[in-house]
């Protein structure tokens, strides 16, 4: 199976492109074959329409929290509320989120989805720092307008399958809460580089297969690129590939998504959450 891993950004450009790892899962080995830079949203849309079959893991929130959806009076169905977001321009969406937060008390301004609570990931309302709210605005409507099967919100018969990935989950397995990336050159330290080396050692270790069900082949040239890239974008794209490949292996079990998932919010696929959901 062809596998893609996509490290997304809300404003792609040459200096900060959308990074796409390409891989092939065959005979129990995930072979990372290349890294591409998508310099525009048009390039991203071309990827979404690329002929299947393939599975892609994409690192941005596909949905908003149930609490935010209900408080806004949005439709409960993912396709309908994302269509409403698609009808807004970016400035309108940002203003909407800012206005929502303005009069709410501290600690009750940005809500997390159920999966964000488990993953310790950022609220999809967040606009600054790591602007995942803007990533949702740019990414989710493009998923809606694609023909692909979006897990778990819109599961159809299309041969293109897209799951939400979160590479930090894999990174934490091997380096705990140590940081491994930074976009600011002055903060790109040797400690971050060592953390990237430790992640790569982890995903190539003997215990990796016990967690994900396959082995990883990472060519030396791509290994070096991932180590040298202090932004972490290339390594994150590879980690997204891993989660997409794992989800494909669980395709007969709902791609590793629990049966009681909130279809308006969505889910991040990783064996960590499949295990917890069954407890």
Protein backbone atom coordinates (compact mmCIF):
# COMPACT_ATOMS: atom_id res chain seq x y z
CA UNK A 1 0.00 0.00 0.00
CA UNK A 2 1.18 3.49 -0.83
CA UNK A 3 1.49 5.57 2.35
CA UNK A 4 1.81 9.34 2.72
CA UNK A 5 2.72 11.31 5.83
CA UNK A 6 1.92 15.02 5.78
CA UNK A 7 3.31 17.65 8.14
CA UNK A 8 0.85 20.48 7.53
CA UNK A 9 1.19 24.26 7.83
CA UNK A 10 -1.47 26.95 7.68
CA UNK A 11 0.56 29.12 5.29
CA UNK A 12 2.78 27.07 2.97
CA UNK A 13 5.70 28.79 1.28
CA UNK A 14 9.25 27.97 0.23
CA UNK A 15 10.50 28.87 3.71
CA UNK A 16 7.88 26.68 5.41
CA UNK A 17 6.32 24.18 2.98
CA UNK A 18 3.88 21.40 3.67
CA UNK A 19 6.18 18.38 3.97
CA UNK A 20 5.06 15.06 2.51
CA UNK A 21 6.82 11.75 3.15
CA UNK A 22 6.17 8.95 0.66
CA UNK A 23 6.40 5.31 1.67
CA UNK A 24 5.40 1.81 0.67
CA UNK A 25 4.09 -0.81 3.12
CA UNK A 26 4.88 -4.29 1.84
CA UNK A 27 5.64 -7.66 3.46
CA UNK A 28 5.65 -6.17 6.95
CA UNK A 29 8.12 -3.38 6.14
CA UNK A 30 7.33 0.34 5.85
CA UNK A 31 9.89 1.65 3.36
CA UNK A 32 10.27 5.44 3.45
CA UNK A 33 11.01 6.33 -0.16
CA UNK A 34 11.16 10.10 -0.34
CA UNK A 35 10.31 13.54 1.01
CA UNK A 36 8.51 16.20 -1.01
CA UNK A 37 7.84 19.89 -0.37
CA UNK A 38 4.36 21.20 -1.21
CA UNK A 39 4.79 24.93 -1.67
CA UNK A 40 1.12 25.88 -2.00
CA UNK A 41 -2.37 24.71 -1.13
CA UNK A 42 -2.81 23.87 -4.81
CA UNK A 43 -0.02 21.32 -4.42
CA UNK A 44 -1.80 19.92 -1.36
CA UNK A 45 -5.07 19.69 -3.29
CA UNK A 46 -3.24 17.84 -6.06
CA UNK A 47 -2.08 15.31 -3.46
CA UNK A 48 -5.66 14.84 -2.24
CA UNK A 49 -6.82 14.10 -5.79
CA UNK A 50 -3.87 11.81 -6.62
CA UNK A 51 -5.11 8.46 -7.90
CA UNK A 52 -5.51 5.78 -5.24
CA UNK A 53 -5.16 3.48 -3.57
CA UNK A 54 -3.23 5.17 -0.79
CA UNK A 55 -3.45 6.00 2.90
CA UNK A 56 -2.29 9.32 4.34
CA UNK A 57 -1.67 10.51 7.88
CA UNK A 58 -2.02 14.28 8.22
CA UNK A 59 -0.93 16.35 11.20
CA UNK A 60 -3.69 18.88 11.80
CA UNK A 61 -7.05 18.73 13.61
CA UNK A 62 -9.83 17.51 11.31
CA UNK A 63 -12.58 18.70 13.68
CA UNK A 64 -13.52 21.05 16.49
CA UNK A 65 -14.57 20.14 20.02
CA UNK A 66 -18.13 19.08 20.73
CA UNK A 67 -18.42 21.86 23.32
CA UNK A 68 -17.39 24.55 20.86
CA UNK A 69 -19.68 23.17 18.14
CA UNK A 70 -22.66 23.15 20.50
CA UNK A 71 -21.93 26.58 21.95
CA UNK A 72 -21.70 28.05 18.45
CA UNK A 73 -24.97 26.42 17.41
CA UNK A 74 -23.23 24.77 14.48
CA UNK A 75 -24.65 21.63 12.83
CA UNK A 76 -23.58 18.50 14.68
CA UNK A 77 -22.60 16.72 11.47
CA UNK A 78 -18.92 17.18 10.50
CA UNK A 79 -19.61 17.71 6.81
CA UNK A 80 -22.18 20.42 7.47
CA UNK A 81 -20.24 22.47 10.00
CA UNK A 82 -17.01 22.23 7.98
CA UNK A 83 -18.97 23.41 4.94
CA UNK A 84 -19.96 26.43 7.04
CA UNK A 85 -16.32 27.10 7.86
CA UNK A 86 -15.50 26.77 4.17
CA UNK A 87 -17.97 29.58 3.44
CA UNK A 88 -15.97 31.99 5.63
CA UNK A 89 -12.79 33.73 4.60
CA UNK A 90 -9.79 33.30 6.86
CA UNK A 91 -10.21 36.68 8.54
CA UNK A 92 -13.84 35.93 9.38
CA UNK A 93 -12.91 32.62 10.94
CA UNK A 94 -10.14 34.18 13.04
CA UNK A 95 -12.52 36.93 14.19
CA UNK A 96 -15.12 34.32 15.13
CA UNK A 97 -12.66 32.46 17.35
CA UNK A 98 -11.38 35.68 18.93
CA UNK A 99 -14.91 36.91 19.62
CA UNK A 100 -15.84 33.57 21.20
CA UNK A 101 -12.91 33.78 23.62
CA UNK A 102 -13.27 37.47 24.47
CA UNK A 103 -15.75 37.28 27.36
CA UNK A 104 -15.06 33.76 28.58
CA UNK A 105 -13.15 33.20 31.84
CA UNK A 106 -9.53 32.10 31.89
CA UNK A 107 -9.27 28.36 31.37
CA UNK A 108 -12.54 28.22 29.45
CA UNK A 109 -11.58 29.98 26.24
CA UNK A 110 -10.20 27.16 24.07
CA UNK A 111 -11.80 23.73 24.33
CA UNK A 112 -10.17 20.40 23.58
CA UNK A 113 -11.68 17.39 21.85
CA UNK A 114 -11.84 14.08 23.70
CA UNK A 115 -8.80 12.87 21.75
CA UNK A 116 -6.88 16.07 22.54
CA UNK A 117 -7.34 15.33 26.24
CA UNK A 118 -5.82 11.87 25.73
CA UNK A 119 -3.04 13.02 23.41
CA UNK A 120 -2.14 16.19 25.33
CA UNK A 121 -2.56 18.00 22.03
CA UNK A 122 -3.55 21.62 21.50
CA UNK A 123 -7.12 22.88 21.23
CA UNK A 124 -8.18 23.23 17.57
CA UNK A 125 -9.35 26.74 18.46
CA UNK A 126 -5.78 27.95 19.13
CA UNK A 127 -4.68 30.71 16.76
CA UNK A 128 -1.20 31.64 17.96
CA UNK A 129 2.02 29.88 18.89
CA UNK A 130 1.20 26.63 17.14
CA UNK A 131 -1.81 27.92 15.17
CA UNK A 132 -3.75 24.69 14.85
CA UNK A 133 -7.00 26.65 14.56
CA UNK A 134 -5.73 28.14 11.31
CA UNK A 135 -4.52 24.70 10.23
CA UNK A 136 -8.03 23.36 10.82
CA UNK A 137 -9.46 26.24 8.77
CA UNK A 138 -7.16 25.56 5.82
CA UNK A 139 -7.10 21.78 6.05
CA UNK A 140 -10.53 20.47 7.02
CA UNK A 141 -12.50 22.15 4.18
CA UNK A 142 -9.99 20.79 1.67
CA UNK A 143 -10.55 17.31 3.08
CA UNK A 144 -14.30 17.90 2.80
CA UNK A 145 -13.94 18.88 -0.86
CA UNK A 146 -11.74 15.88 -1.67
CA UNK A 147 -13.11 12.50 -2.77
CA UNK A 148 -11.18 10.64 -0.07
CA UNK A 149 -12.51 8.63 2.84
CA UNK A 150 -11.93 10.74 5.97
CA UNK A 151 -11.59 8.56 9.08
CA UNK A 152 -13.86 8.43 11.03
CA UNK A 153 -16.09 11.33 9.93
CA UNK A 154 -16.80 10.35 6.32
CA UNK A 155 -15.97 6.73 5.64
CA UNK A 156 -16.77 5.93 2.02
CA UNK A 157 -15.63 3.44 -0.59
CA UNK A 158 -12.94 5.67 -2.12
CA UNK A 159 -9.51 4.05 -2.43
CA UNK A 160 -7.89 7.12 -0.86
CA UNK A 161 -8.00 7.05 2.95
CA UNK A 162 -6.98 9.89 5.26
CA UNK A 163 -6.42 9.65 9.00
CA UNK A 164 -5.49 12.33 11.53
CA UNK A 165 -1.95 11.84 12.78
CA UNK A 166 -0.06 13.38 15.69
CA UNK A 167 3.68 12.69 15.48
CA UNK A 168 4.41 13.86 19.02
CA UNK A 169 2.80 10.66 20.30
CA UNK A 170 5.51 8.57 18.65
CA UNK A 171 8.25 10.98 19.69
CA UNK A 172 7.19 10.75 23.35
CA UNK A 173 7.60 6.97 23.29
CA UNK A 174 11.34 7.47 22.84
CA UNK A 175 12.22 10.88 24.32
CA UNK A 176 9.35 11.50 26.77
CA UNK A 177 8.64 15.26 26.91
CA UNK A 178 12.01 16.43 25.59
CA UNK A 179 11.76 18.91 22.74
CA UNK A 180 13.15 17.90 19.36
CA UNK A 181 12.33 20.79 17.02
CA UNK A 182 12.12 24.57 16.75
CA UNK A 183 11.44 26.91 13.83
CA UNK A 184 13.60 29.69 15.31
CA UNK A 185 17.26 29.34 14.20
CA UNK A 186 18.62 30.77 17.46
CA UNK A 187 16.84 28.01 19.41
CA UNK A 188 17.97 25.11 17.24
CA UNK A 189 20.35 23.50 19.68
CA UNK A 190 22.49 20.37 19.83
CA UNK A 191 20.09 19.01 22.45
CA UNK A 192 17.24 19.13 19.91
CA UNK A 193 19.41 17.36 17.35
CA UNK A 194 20.24 14.63 19.86
CA UNK A 195 16.53 14.23 20.59
CA UNK A 196 15.86 13.70 16.87
CA UNK A 197 18.62 11.11 16.76
CA UNK A 198 17.03 9.33 19.73
CA UNK A 199 13.61 9.27 18.04
CA UNK A 200 15.12 7.82 14.88
CA UNK A 201 16.98 5.19 16.92
CA UNK A 202 13.68 4.32 18.60
CA UNK A 203 11.67 3.86 15.42
CA UNK A 204 14.43 1.63 14.05
CA UNK A 205 14.78 -0.43 17.23
CA UNK A 206 13.74 -4.04 17.77
CA UNK A 207 10.80 -3.03 19.97
CA UNK A 208 9.18 -0.85 17.32
CA UNK A 209 7.51 -3.78 15.57
CA UNK A 210 5.91 -4.89 18.83
CA UNK A 211 4.05 -1.56 18.96
CA UNK A 212 3.20 -0.87 15.32
CA UNK A 213 3.17 -4.33 13.77
CA UNK A 214 5.77 -3.74 11.06
CA UNK A 215 9.42 -2.81 10.64
CA UNK A 216 10.63 0.56 9.37
CA UNK A 217 13.25 1.01 6.66
CA UNK A 218 14.63 4.53 6.67
CA UNK A 219 17.38 5.06 4.06
CA UNK A 220 20.57 6.70 5.29
CA UNK A 221 20.04 9.79 3.14
CA UNK A 222 16.56 10.40 4.57
CA UNK A 223 17.82 9.68 8.08
CA UNK A 224 20.43 12.41 7.71
CA UNK A 225 17.87 14.87 6.32
CA UNK A 226 15.58 14.23 9.29
CA UNK A 227 18.44 14.74 11.75
CA UNK A 228 19.67 17.91 10.06
CA UNK A 229 16.20 19.48 9.75
CA UNK A 230 15.96 21.43 13.01
CA UNK A 231 12.33 22.39 12.33
CA UNK A 232 11.39 18.73 12.70
CA UNK A 233 9.05 18.92 9.70
CA UNK A 234 10.68 16.08 7.79
CA UNK A 235 10.87 13.79 10.80
CA UNK A 236 7.24 14.60 11.63
CA UNK A 237 6.18 13.63 8.10
CA UNK A 238 7.89 10.25 8.56
CA UNK A 239 6.14 9.77 11.91
CA UNK A 240 2.80 10.56 10.25
CA UNK A 241 3.56 7.77 7.75
CA UNK A 242 3.98 5.36 10.65
CA UNK A 243 0.58 6.19 12.12
CA UNK A 244 -1.08 5.96 8.69
CA UNK A 245 0.48 2.55 8.07
CA UNK A 246 -0.65 1.33 11.49
CA UNK A 247 -4.21 2.53 10.78
CA UNK A 248 -4.20 0.66 7.46
CA UNK A 249 -3.32 -2.50 9.33
CA UNK A 250 -6.45 -1.92 11.46
CA UNK A 251 -8.75 -1.21 8.52
CA UNK A 252 -10.99 -4.15 9.41
CA UNK A 253 -11.30 -2.77 12.96
CA UNK A 254 -12.33 0.76 12.01
CA UNK A 255 -8.75 1.89 11.38
CA UNK A 256 -8.07 1.68 15.11
CA UNK A 257 -10.81 4.19 15.98
CA UNK A 258 -13.14 3.21 18.88
CA UNK A 259 -16.77 2.51 18.07
CA UNK A 260 -18.04 5.25 20.38
CA UNK A 261 -15.98 8.05 18.84
CA UNK A 262 -17.66 11.44 18.45
CA UNK A 263 -17.91 11.77 14.66
CA UNK A 264 -18.10 15.55 14.90
CA UNK A 265 -14.74 15.77 16.68
CA UNK A 266 -12.67 13.09 14.97
CA UNK A 267 -9.79 10.97 16.27
CA UNK A 268 -6.01 10.61 16.18
CA UNK A 269 -4.92 7.10 15.20
CA UNK A 270 -2.21 5.40 17.22
CA UNK A 271 -2.03 2.10 19.13
CA UNK A 272 -1.79 4.08 22.37
CA UNK A 273 -5.39 5.24 21.98
CA UNK A 274 -6.76 1.97 20.67
CA UNK A 275 -5.52 0.27 23.85
CA UNK A 276 -6.98 2.91 26.13
CA UNK A 277 -10.31 2.91 24.33
CA UNK A 278 -10.69 -0.82 25.05
CA UNK A 279 -9.96 -0.60 28.77
